[in-house]
Amino acid sequence: MWTQIRAGRVQLRSDCSAATAIEYALIASIIALALISLQYTIGAAVVNFFTEVGNGL
């Protein structure tokens, strides 16, 4: 019985799939935040451009 418990503990220690999934989730969230902030920056520039074009007509 103790050998099975020890084997299970060793197997849990060597399992890194959850850590990898968390790392991928963090990377995806950082990319999403960067894209959202970029959208606001570019969106404001595009609105200003078309406003100037509209005022020029």
C-alpha atoms as a PDB file:
ATOM      1  CA  MET A   1       0.000   0.000   0.000  1.00  0.00           C
ATOM      2  CA  TRP A   2       2.766   2.442   0.884  1.00  0.00           C
ATOM      3  CA  THR A   3       4.530   1.741  -2.385  1.00  0.00           C
ATOM      4  CA  GLN A   4       1.386   2.697  -4.287  1.00  0.00           C
ATOM      5  CA  ILE A   5       1.093   5.952  -2.326  1.00  0.00           C
ATOM      6  CA  ARG A   6       4.750   6.758  -2.985  1.00  0.00           C
ATOM      7  CA  ALA A   7       4.360   5.928  -6.665  1.00  0.00           C
ATOM      8  CA  GLY A   8       1.309   8.207  -6.855  1.00  0.00           C
ATOM      9  CA  ARG A   9       3.213  11.064  -5.202  1.00  0.00           C
ATOM     10  CA  VAL A  10       6.108  10.683  -7.634  1.00  0.00           C
ATOM     11  CA  GLN A  11       3.705  10.641 -10.559  1.00  0.00           C
ATOM     12  CA  LEU A  12       1.980  13.825  -9.332  1.00  0.00           C
ATOM     13  CA  ARG A  13       5.296  15.596  -8.944  1.00  0.00           C
ATOM     14  CA  SER A  14       6.365  14.733 -12.480  1.00  0.00           C
ATOM     15  CA  ASP A  15       3.041  15.830 -14.034  1.00  0.00           C
ATOM     16  CA  CYS A  16       3.599  19.314 -15.477  1.00  0.00           C
ATOM     17  CA  SER A  17       0.573  19.545 -17.765  1.00  0.00           C
ATOM     18  CA  ALA A  18      -1.374  21.794 -15.381  1.00  0.00           C
ATOM     19  CA  ALA A  19       1.552  24.183 -15.060  1.00  0.00           C
ATOM     20  CA  THR A  20       1.876  24.307 -18.833  1.00  0.00           C
ATOM     21  CA  ALA A  21      -1.828  25.041 -19.236  1.00  0.00           C
ATOM     22  CA  ILE A  22      -1.597  27.885 -16.723  1.00  0.00           C
ATOM     23  CA  GLU A  23       1.416  29.332 -18.550  1.00  0.00           C
ATOM     24  CA  TYR A  24      -0.444  29.234 -21.859  1.00  0.00           C
ATOM     25  CA  ALA A  25      -3.461  30.906 -20.253  1.00  0.00           C
ATOM     26  CA  LEU A  26      -1.255  33.696 -18.888  1.00  0.00           C
ATOM     27  CA  ILE A  27       0.369  34.230 -22.274  1.00  0.00           C
ATOM     28  CA  ALA A  28      -3.038  34.325 -23.977  1.00  0.00           C
ATOM     29  CA  SER A  29      -4.363  36.854 -21.455  1.00  0.00           C
ATOM     30  CA  ILE A  30      -1.333  39.119 -21.917  1.00  0.00           C
ATOM     31  CA  ILE A  31      -1.771  39.003 -25.691  1.00  0.00           C
ATOM     32  CA  ALA A  32      -5.488  39.764 -25.310  1.00  0.00           C
ATOM     33  CA  LEU A  33      -4.753  42.782 -23.095  1.00  0.00           C
ATOM     34  CA  ALA A  34      -2.189  44.050 -25.590  1.00  0.00           C
ATOM     35  CA  LEU A  35      -4.665  43.720 -28.469  1.00  0.00           C
ATOM     36  CA  ILE A  36      -7.410  45.503 -26.538  1.00  0.00           C
ATOM     37  CA  SER A  37      -5.156  48.426 -25.657  1.00  0.00           C
ATOM     38  CA  LEU A  38      -3.934  48.591 -29.249  1.00  0.00           C
ATOM     39  CA  GLN A  39      -7.526  48.658 -30.471  1.00  0.00           C
ATOM     40  CA  TYR A  40      -8.320  51.680 -28.311  1.00  0.00           C
ATOM     41  CA  THR A  41      -5.193  53.507 -29.482  1.00  0.00           C
ATOM     42  CA  ILE A  42      -5.731  52.808 -33.177  1.00  0.00           C
ATOM     43  CA  GLY A  43      -9.486  53.338 -32.882  1.00  0.00           C
ATOM     44  CA  ALA A  44      -9.001  56.850 -31.504  1.00  0.00           C
ATOM     45  CA  ALA A  45      -6.554  57.683 -34.297  1.00  0.00           C
ATOM     46  CA  VAL A  46      -8.966  56.430 -36.975  1.00  0.00           C
ATOM     47  CA  VAL A  47     -11.862  58.414 -35.497  1.00  0.00           C
ATOM     48  CA  ASN A  48      -9.734  61.570 -35.459  1.00  0.00           C
ATOM     49  CA  PHE A  49      -8.646  60.996 -39.058  1.00  0.00           C
ATOM     50  CA  PHE A  50     -12.193  60.590 -40.368  1.00  0.00           C
ATOM     51  CA  THR A  51     -13.386  63.529 -38.312  1.00  0.00           C
ATOM     52  CA  GLU A  52     -10.754  65.734 -39.936  1.00  0.00           C
ATOM     53  CA  VAL A  53     -11.673  64.407 -43.371  1.00  0.00           C
ATOM     54  CA  GLY A  54     -15.362  65.042 -42.676  1.00  0.00           C
ATOM     55  CA  ASN A  55     -14.680  68.565 -41.477  1.00  0.00           C
ATOM     56  CA  GLY A  56     -12.597  69.220 -44.592  1.00  0.00           C
ATOM     57  CA  LEU A  57     -15.527  68.404 -46.868  1.00  0.00           C
END
